[in-house]
């Protein structure tokens, strides 16, 4: 089935149904209906576009802000600072075990409610009430006002006017999502589409040993997403950590052509073989052999039971990894060796962003497994640093004005889709507001 441009989705595609077979090399882009001409990356530095993007993309779509494991019991909370939107989000598990989200702002004088030593930093903890550090106002965990200090001195106070401003919140697959729109255009599950929704059957909870990293990158958020939406760069960016003995599935130093791309509403999927596609290849660095791990994970695969029915929807042989690109800025990567990644790309400006990386492993059962995990993390981090190393140079290049047309190959089709959807959202928002 040939898919039309994102701005003209068929009814089936709007429901997340995308089925086709790639008939020949060089046709993914045409099959997805995204056009094959040169592209502009002006959306990665134009400040006017960036201001509209914040509203059209990040205030109107569902955003992942954490996992339920960050709220292990009633009364636990965490904050998420969306600095680029001027929003501090307070997420709490109330005393009735319901997860709620609020704007982290006191109704009295606007003080930020939950913070530790530095109000610009994210915080977490446990409480029975939400209390303001400034004048002592308190709120129950459902956001309702419970105490006003010296209330008789105020004028015509009404409890319903003092409740914390709510933020739309929902949970899927243990991930907590918010939507900052007053009235979301879609429910979370409709937004995810039926195909991606099935990923909730994946046993994330059986891989609870989580490692988190974050850094600030001097490049637009989409440029780092682009870096992880293709493998065309691997022999040049990752030449020192990849295995030269891996059989080539492409030509001209390409060690692994991606066998399946899919689009599901605003989201994308990149499926490939990972380690399983290179079964039997044993040549590698001595330190990887010592720790029995490398930059695509550990040699051992823990038994965590069935992986659910959401993975590898294309049914490719020797499946190894799914990279689900959830619009706008959240990525879930599930590996056949039973561990998972997430990436988040949070804008800071038109030309910088905060990158967050999370890795989830099954609990190690012995010292060797723990050491394998630690070595894998070191190698994964090295691989990510290699990707990040190119980004500021890319940012400078596209901003130079030397040219405004850039040429993408068929294996970079996911890049086209991301930029196309972002630009479509901004265009729709501008049309609504008459800009």
Protein backbone atom coordinates (compact mmCIF):
# COMPACT_ATOMS: atom_id res chain seq x y z
CA UNK A 1 0.00 0.00 0.00
CA UNK A 2 1.41 3.38 -0.94
CA UNK A 3 1.02 5.85 1.90
CA UNK A 4 0.08 9.48 1.16
CA UNK A 5 1.76 12.52 2.64
CA UNK A 6 1.27 12.91 6.41
CA UNK A 7 -1.02 15.89 5.92
CA UNK A 8 -3.39 13.65 3.97
CA UNK A 9 -3.57 10.42 5.94
CA UNK A 10 -6.05 7.78 4.89
CA UNK A 11 -8.54 6.55 7.47
CA UNK A 12 -6.54 3.33 7.91
CA UNK A 13 -3.29 5.21 8.49
CA UNK A 14 -4.92 7.57 10.95
CA UNK A 15 -5.78 4.44 12.93
CA UNK A 16 -2.14 3.41 12.79
CA UNK A 17 -2.53 0.67 10.18
CA UNK A 18 0.47 0.65 7.84
CA UNK A 19 1.19 -2.44 5.79
CA UNK A 20 3.34 -2.76 2.73
CA UNK A 21 6.34 -4.68 1.50
CA UNK A 22 9.43 -2.94 0.22
CA UNK A 23 9.57 -4.16 -3.40
CA UNK A 24 13.14 -3.12 -4.24
CA UNK A 25 16.11 -1.11 -2.92
CA UNK A 26 15.58 2.63 -2.92
CA UNK A 27 11.80 2.63 -2.53
CA UNK A 28 11.03 3.11 1.19
CA UNK A 29 10.73 6.85 0.72
CA UNK A 30 8.38 6.50 -2.23
CA UNK A 31 6.32 3.83 -0.47
CA UNK A 32 5.78 6.14 2.50
CA UNK A 33 4.76 8.98 0.18
CA UNK A 34 7.23 11.48 1.59
CA UNK A 35 8.83 12.75 -1.61
CA UNK A 36 12.39 12.14 -2.75
CA UNK A 37 13.68 15.64 -3.39
CA UNK A 38 16.22 17.66 -1.39
CA UNK A 39 15.17 18.84 2.07
CA UNK A 40 15.73 22.00 4.08
CA UNK A 41 16.79 21.94 7.71
CA UNK A 42 15.67 25.50 8.40
CA UNK A 43 13.29 24.04 10.99
CA UNK A 44 16.42 23.29 13.08
CA UNK A 45 17.57 26.87 13.55
CA UNK A 46 14.89 29.39 12.53
CA UNK A 47 13.85 31.13 15.76
CA UNK A 48 10.38 32.04 14.54
CA UNK A 49 9.73 28.42 13.60
CA UNK A 50 11.05 27.32 17.00
CA UNK A 51 8.60 29.57 18.86
CA UNK A 52 5.69 28.19 16.84
CA UNK A 53 7.01 24.64 17.25
CA UNK A 54 6.91 24.92 21.03
CA UNK A 55 3.20 25.66 20.91
CA UNK A 56 2.16 23.44 17.99
CA UNK A 57 4.26 20.38 18.82
CA UNK A 58 5.00 20.36 22.54
CA UNK A 59 1.84 21.93 23.97
CA UNK A 60 -0.57 19.97 21.78
CA UNK A 61 0.82 16.43 21.80
CA UNK A 62 1.25 13.83 24.53
CA UNK A 63 4.67 14.01 26.22
CA UNK A 64 6.28 11.29 28.29
CA UNK A 65 7.60 12.69 31.58
CA UNK A 66 8.51 9.53 33.51
CA UNK A 67 7.57 6.02 34.62
CA UNK A 68 5.28 4.74 37.32
CA UNK A 69 8.32 3.23 39.04
CA UNK A 70 9.27 6.78 40.04
CA UNK A 71 6.09 6.82 42.17
CA UNK A 72 6.48 3.56 44.12
CA UNK A 73 3.87 4.25 46.80
CA UNK A 74 1.07 6.63 47.75
CA UNK A 75 2.36 10.12 48.50
CA UNK A 76 5.43 9.93 46.28
CA UNK A 77 6.01 12.66 43.73
CA UNK A 78 8.48 14.03 41.21
CA UNK A 79 8.74 17.22 39.20
CA UNK A 80 9.55 17.66 35.53
CA UNK A 81 10.97 21.01 34.46
CA UNK A 82 9.95 21.95 30.91
CA UNK A 83 12.03 25.10 30.91
CA UNK A 84 11.51 25.87 27.23
CA UNK A 85 7.75 26.13 27.85
CA UNK A 86 8.06 27.89 31.21
CA UNK A 87 6.25 24.96 32.83
CA UNK A 88 7.06 23.01 35.99
CA UNK A 89 5.04 19.78 36.18
CA UNK A 90 4.25 18.12 39.52
CA UNK A 91 3.39 14.41 39.20
CA UNK A 92 2.09 12.66 42.31
CA UNK A 93 0.55 9.35 43.36
CA UNK A 94 -2.26 10.39 45.67
CA UNK A 95 -3.55 8.56 48.75
CA UNK A 96 -6.12 6.74 46.58
CA UNK A 97 -3.31 5.37 44.38
CA UNK A 98 -4.23 7.60 41.45
CA UNK A 99 -1.51 9.33 39.45
CA UNK A 100 -2.18 13.03 39.01
CA UNK A 101 -0.34 15.95 37.40
CA UNK A 102 -0.51 19.65 38.26
CA UNK A 103 1.21 22.89 37.42
CA UNK A 104 3.75 23.27 40.22
CA UNK A 105 2.50 26.74 41.20
CA UNK A 106 0.90 28.01 44.41
CA UNK A 107 -2.47 29.74 44.02
CA UNK A 108 -1.45 32.45 46.51
CA UNK A 109 1.55 34.29 45.07
CA UNK A 110 2.75 31.90 42.38
CA UNK A 111 5.66 30.38 44.26
CA UNK A 112 6.91 27.05 42.97
CA UNK A 113 5.57 24.47 45.41
CA UNK A 114 7.81 21.40 45.30
CA UNK A 115 11.54 22.01 45.01
CA UNK A 116 14.66 21.29 47.03
CA UNK A 117 17.74 23.50 47.25
CA UNK A 118 17.47 25.01 43.78
CA UNK A 119 14.07 25.90 42.30
CA UNK A 120 15.25 25.32 38.72
CA UNK A 121 16.23 21.70 39.46
CA UNK A 122 13.91 18.71 39.35
CA UNK A 123 12.99 17.11 42.66
CA UNK A 124 11.33 14.01 44.06
CA UNK A 125 10.17 12.77 47.42
CA UNK A 126 7.28 11.68 49.60
CA UNK A 127 4.58 13.79 51.24
CA UNK A 128 1.04 13.67 52.60
CA UNK A 129 0.26 17.22 51.53
CA UNK A 130 1.71 19.71 49.07
CA UNK A 131 2.97 22.67 51.08
CA UNK A 132 4.24 26.06 49.92
CA UNK A 133 7.57 27.10 51.43
CA UNK A 134 6.67 30.82 51.19
CA UNK A 135 3.45 31.36 53.17
CA UNK A 136 2.46 27.87 54.25
CA UNK A 137 -0.57 27.22 52.04
CA UNK A 138 -1.26 23.49 51.76
CA UNK A 139 -2.99 21.28 49.23
CA UNK A 140 -4.18 17.68 49.38
CA UNK A 141 -2.68 15.28 46.87
CA UNK A 142 -5.76 15.62 44.67
CA UNK A 143 -4.84 19.30 44.28
CA UNK A 144 -7.61 20.70 46.47
CA UNK A 145 -6.76 23.45 48.93
CA UNK A 146 -6.61 22.20 52.53
CA UNK A 147 -5.16 25.14 54.49
CA UNK A 148 -4.78 28.88 54.02
CA UNK A 149 -2.59 30.61 56.57
CA UNK A 150 -4.59 33.35 58.37
CA UNK A 151 -7.54 32.86 56.03
CA UNK A 152 -9.77 35.58 57.64
CA UNK A 153 -7.44 38.24 56.24
CA UNK A 154 -8.37 37.31 52.66
CA UNK A 155 -11.39 38.39 50.61
CA UNK A 156 -14.10 36.05 49.34
CA UNK A 157 -11.94 32.94 49.14
CA UNK A 158 -13.60 29.98 47.43
CA UNK A 159 -12.03 26.54 47.62
CA UNK A 160 -12.87 25.74 44.00
CA UNK A 161 -10.87 28.77 42.88
CA UNK A 162 -7.78 27.78 44.83
CA UNK A 163 -7.20 24.21 43.60
CA UNK A 164 -3.97 23.53 41.76
CA UNK A 165 -4.28 23.82 37.97
CA UNK A 166 -4.56 20.28 36.63
CA UNK A 167 -2.58 18.86 33.73
CA UNK A 168 -4.02 16.06 31.59
CA UNK A 169 -2.25 12.83 32.53
CA UNK A 170 -2.48 9.20 31.43
CA UNK A 171 -0.41 6.03 31.77
CA UNK A 172 0.51 3.53 29.09
CA UNK A 173 2.95 0.59 29.46
CA UNK A 174 4.08 2.05 32.78
CA UNK A 175 5.03 5.36 31.12
CA UNK A 176 3.43 8.57 32.40
CA UNK A 177 2.30 11.02 29.73
CA UNK A 178 0.96 14.55 30.03
CA UNK A 179 -0.80 16.83 27.58
CA UNK A 180 -0.62 20.58 28.20
CA UNK A 181 -3.52 21.42 25.90
CA UNK A 182 -6.65 22.44 27.80
CA UNK A 183 -8.64 19.93 25.77
CA UNK A 184 -6.43 17.30 24.11
CA UNK A 185 -7.32 16.62 20.50
CA UNK A 186 -6.88 12.86 21.05
CA UNK A 187 -6.77 10.45 23.94
CA UNK A 188 -3.33 9.03 24.63
CA UNK A 189 -4.22 5.64 23.17
CA UNK A 190 -5.70 7.12 20.01
CA UNK A 191 -2.53 9.21 19.69
CA UNK A 192 -0.35 6.10 19.99
CA UNK A 193 -2.34 4.16 17.33
CA UNK A 194 -3.35 0.50 17.74
CA UNK A 195 -0.01 -0.87 16.51
CA UNK A 196 2.17 1.07 18.92
CA UNK A 197 -0.32 0.57 21.74
CA UNK A 198 0.43 -3.17 21.63
CA UNK A 199 3.91 -2.45 22.96
CA UNK A 200 2.36 -2.25 26.42
CA UNK A 201 2.51 -6.07 26.44
CA UNK A 202 6.32 -5.82 26.54
CA UNK A 203 7.54 -6.71 30.09
CA UNK A 204 9.33 -3.45 31.00
CA UNK A 205 8.65 -4.19 34.66
CA UNK A 206 10.83 -7.34 34.50
CA UNK A 207 13.85 -5.20 33.61
CA UNK A 208 13.82 -2.80 36.57
CA UNK A 209 17.54 -2.09 37.03
CA UNK A 210 17.52 1.37 35.49
CA UNK A 211 20.47 3.63 34.70
CA UNK A 212 19.93 7.28 33.74
CA UNK A 213 22.18 9.79 32.01
CA UNK A 214 21.62 13.31 30.72
CA UNK A 215 23.59 16.05 29.00
CA UNK A 216 23.10 19.33 27.15
CA UNK A 217 23.84 19.28 23.42
CA UNK A 218 24.51 22.36 21.32
CA UNK A 219 22.18 21.36 18.52
CA UNK A 220 18.48 21.39 17.74
CA UNK A 221 16.57 18.47 19.28
CA UNK A 222 15.56 17.04 15.91
CA UNK A 223 19.17 16.69 14.78
CA UNK A 224 19.94 14.19 17.54
CA UNK A 225 16.74 12.29 16.81
CA UNK A 226 17.89 12.15 13.20
CA UNK A 227 21.21 10.63 14.26
CA UNK A 228 19.40 7.61 15.72
CA UNK A 229 16.93 7.14 12.87
CA UNK A 230 19.40 5.63 10.41
CA UNK A 231 22.45 3.35 10.32
CA UNK A 232 24.01 4.97 7.26
CA UNK A 233 26.55 6.72 9.55
CA UNK A 234 27.77 3.61 11.39
CA UNK A 235 31.01 2.75 9.53
CA UNK A 236 32.31 6.31 9.87
CA UNK A 237 31.01 7.49 13.24
CA UNK A 238 31.31 4.15 15.05
CA UNK A 239 34.20 2.54 13.21
CA UNK A 240 36.23 2.09 16.40
CA UNK A 241 33.56 0.17 18.30
CA UNK A 242 31.91 -1.83 15.55
CA UNK A 243 33.03 -5.25 14.43
CA UNK A 244 34.64 -5.20 10.99
CA UNK A 245 34.00 -8.95 10.68
CA UNK A 246 30.22 -8.39 10.47
CA UNK A 247 28.98 -9.46 7.02
CA UNK A 248 27.77 -6.56 4.93
CA UNK A 249 24.13 -6.52 3.95
CA UNK A 250 24.56 -3.38 1.88
CA UNK A 251 27.39 -2.11 -0.29
CA UNK A 252 30.24 0.38 0.14
CA UNK A 253 31.04 -0.25 3.83
CA UNK A 254 27.42 -0.37 4.97
CA UNK A 255 27.36 -3.19 7.55
CA UNK A 256 23.64 -3.32 8.04
CA UNK A 257 20.80 -2.03 5.90
CA UNK A 258 17.59 -1.49 7.83
CA UNK A 259 15.10 -4.11 6.62
CA UNK A 260 11.92 -2.36 7.78
CA UNK A 261 10.62 1.14 8.31
CA UNK A 262 7.04 1.85 9.31
CA UNK A 263 4.96 4.94 10.03
CA UNK A 264 2.05 4.84 12.45
CA UNK A 265 0.20 8.13 12.60
CA UNK A 266 2.84 10.63 13.74
CA UNK A 267 5.20 7.91 14.98
CA UNK A 268 7.89 5.82 13.28
CA UNK A 269 9.41 2.38 13.67
CA UNK A 270 12.86 1.25 12.58
CA UNK A 271 13.34 -2.53 12.90
CA UNK A 272 16.62 -4.33 12.33
CA UNK A 273 18.51 -7.48 13.19
CA UNK A 274 20.84 -6.20 15.88
CA UNK A 275 23.12 -8.89 17.29
CA UNK A 276 20.94 -11.73 15.96
CA UNK A 277 21.57 -10.72 12.36
CA UNK A 278 25.27 -11.33 12.94
CA UNK A 279 25.05 -14.68 14.66
CA UNK A 280 28.24 -16.68 14.53
CA UNK A 281 30.58 -13.71 14.25
CA UNK A 282 33.09 -14.04 17.06
CA UNK A 283 35.80 -11.51 16.23
CA UNK A 284 35.77 -8.63 18.70
CA UNK A 285 37.92 -6.61 21.06
CA UNK A 286 39.56 -8.51 23.93
CA UNK A 287 37.94 -6.34 26.61
CA UNK A 288 34.47 -7.08 25.19
CA UNK A 289 35.26 -10.80 25.34
CA UNK A 290 36.49 -10.43 28.92
CA UNK A 291 33.32 -8.72 30.15
CA UNK A 292 31.04 -10.59 27.73
CA UNK A 293 29.36 -7.41 26.52
CA UNK A 294 29.75 -4.64 23.98
CA UNK A 295 28.01 -1.49 22.80
CA UNK A 296 24.87 -3.36 21.75
CA UNK A 297 24.42 -5.12 25.08
CA UNK A 298 25.45 -8.20 27.01
CA UNK A 299 26.27 -11.63 25.59
CA UNK A 300 23.76 -13.32 27.87
CA UNK A 301 20.00 -12.98 27.49
CA UNK A 302 18.08 -13.19 30.78
CA UNK A 303 14.92 -15.26 30.80
CA UNK A 304 12.06 -12.82 31.40
CA UNK A 305 9.31 -14.82 29.74
CA UNK A 306 7.23 -13.77 26.71
CA UNK A 307 8.02 -10.40 25.14
CA UNK A 308 4.41 -9.65 24.22
CA UNK A 309 2.85 -9.18 20.82
CA UNK A 310 3.95 -5.62 20.12
CA UNK A 311 7.48 -6.24 18.85
CA UNK A 312 8.63 -6.81 15.28
CA UNK A 313 5.25 -6.09 13.67
CA UNK A 314 6.81 -6.61 10.24
CA UNK A 315 7.84 -10.17 11.16
CA UNK A 316 11.38 -9.83 9.81
CA UNK A 317 13.73 -12.79 10.16
CA UNK A 318 16.52 -12.67 12.73
CA UNK A 319 14.78 -9.83 14.53
CA UNK A 320 17.09 -8.08 16.95
CA UNK A 321 15.80 -4.63 17.88
CA UNK A 322 12.84 -2.26 17.44
CA UNK A 323 13.38 1.49 17.64
CA UNK A 324 10.00 3.10 18.24
CA UNK A 325 10.13 6.87 17.65
CA UNK A 326 7.17 8.26 19.59
CA UNK A 327 6.26 11.74 18.46
CA UNK A 328 7.45 14.23 19.25
CA UNK A 329 10.59 13.56 21.33
CA UNK A 330 10.46 10.12 22.98
CA UNK A 331 12.13 6.91 21.77
CA UNK A 332 11.72 3.36 23.08
CA UNK A 333 14.26 0.78 21.92
CA UNK A 334 13.58 -2.88 22.74
CA UNK A 335 16.34 -5.45 22.18
CA UNK A 336 15.99 -9.17 21.63
CA UNK A 337 18.63 -9.75 24.33
CA UNK A 338 16.07 -8.45 26.83
CA UNK A 339 16.95 -4.93 27.79
CA UNK A 340 15.54 -1.58 26.72
CA UNK A 341 16.50 2.06 26.15
CA UNK A 342 14.59 5.28 26.18
CA UNK A 343 15.74 8.60 24.75
CA UNK A 344 14.22 12.02 25.38
CA UNK A 345 15.14 15.20 23.53
CA UNK A 346 13.95 18.33 25.37
CA UNK A 347 14.46 21.66 23.58
CA UNK A 348 16.31 24.44 25.40
CA UNK A 349 16.51 26.85 22.46
CA UNK A 350 16.32 26.71 18.68
CA UNK A 351 19.89 25.40 18.64
CA UNK A 352 20.29 23.41 21.89
CA UNK A 353 18.54 20.69 23.85
CA UNK A 354 18.77 18.41 26.87
CA UNK A 355 19.27 14.75 26.02
CA UNK A 356 18.14 12.09 28.50
CA UNK A 357 19.05 8.41 28.16
CA UNK A 358 17.66 5.57 30.27
CA UNK A 359 18.66 1.90 30.14
CA UNK A 360 16.65 -0.88 31.78
CA UNK A 361 18.19 -4.30 32.51
CA UNK A 362 16.89 -7.37 34.30
CA UNK A 363 18.38 -7.69 37.77
CA UNK A 364 21.77 -9.45 37.50
CA UNK A 365 21.91 -12.84 39.21
CA UNK A 366 25.67 -12.91 39.76
CA UNK A 367 28.79 -10.76 39.62
CA UNK A 368 29.60 -11.62 36.01
CA UNK A 369 26.18 -10.45 34.83
CA UNK A 370 26.53 -7.22 36.78
CA UNK A 371 29.98 -6.58 35.28
CA UNK A 372 28.62 -7.34 31.82
CA UNK A 373 25.91 -4.72 32.34
CA UNK A 374 28.42 -2.15 33.56
CA UNK A 375 30.73 -2.75 30.59
CA UNK A 376 27.79 -2.60 28.17
CA UNK A 377 26.80 0.77 29.66
CA UNK A 378 30.32 2.13 29.20
CA UNK A 379 30.38 1.00 25.59
CA UNK A 380 26.84 2.25 24.90
CA UNK A 381 27.79 5.61 26.36
CA UNK A 382 30.84 5.72 24.10
CA UNK A 383 28.64 5.02 21.09
CA UNK A 384 26.21 7.80 22.06
CA UNK A 385 29.08 10.25 22.60
CA UNK A 386 30.31 9.44 19.11
CA UNK A 387 26.86 10.28 17.73
CA UNK A 388 26.66 13.48 19.76
CA UNK A 389 30.14 14.51 18.63
CA UNK A 390 28.87 15.30 15.13
CA UNK A 391 25.87 17.39 16.15
CA UNK A 392 27.37 20.81 16.79
CA UNK A 393 29.22 20.56 13.48
CA UNK A 394 25.92 19.72 11.76
CA UNK A 395 24.22 22.64 13.48
CA UNK A 396 26.92 25.06 12.35
CA UNK A 397 26.84 23.70 8.81
CA UNK A 398 23.10 24.05 8.25
CA UNK A 399 23.12 27.53 9.81
CA UNK A 400 25.95 28.76 7.60
CA UNK A 401 23.62 29.61 4.74
CA UNK A 402 25.96 27.93 2.29
CA UNK A 403 23.01 25.95 1.01
CA UNK A 404 19.41 25.21 1.91
CA UNK A 405 18.95 21.95 0.04
CA UNK A 406 20.29 18.68 1.44
CA UNK A 407 20.07 15.21 -0.03
CA UNK A 408 18.81 12.13 1.85
CA UNK A 409 19.08 8.50 0.82
CA UNK A 410 16.35 5.89 1.13
CA UNK A 411 17.79 4.64 4.44
CA UNK A 412 17.17 8.13 5.88
CA UNK A 413 13.44 7.99 5.25
CA UNK A 414 12.60 8.31 8.98
CA UNK A 415 14.27 11.74 9.02
CA UNK A 416 11.92 12.92 6.30
CA UNK A 417 8.94 11.67 8.25
CA UNK A 418 9.90 13.43 11.50
CA UNK A 419 10.53 16.80 9.87
CA UNK A 420 7.43 16.43 7.71
CA UNK A 421 5.18 15.82 10.72
CA UNK A 422 6.70 18.67 12.74
CA UNK A 423 6.28 21.07 9.83
CA UNK A 424 2.71 19.88 9.29
CA UNK A 425 1.86 20.54 12.96
CA UNK A 426 3.37 24.03 12.82
CA UNK A 427 1.58 24.82 9.54
CA UNK A 428 -1.75 23.67 11.01
CA UNK A 429 -1.24 25.79 14.12
CA UNK A 430 -0.34 28.84 12.07
CA UNK A 431 -3.45 28.35 9.97
CA UNK A 432 -5.61 28.19 13.11
CA UNK A 433 -4.13 31.37 14.53
CA UNK A 434 -3.95 33.20 11.20
CA UNK A 435 -0.18 33.55 11.25
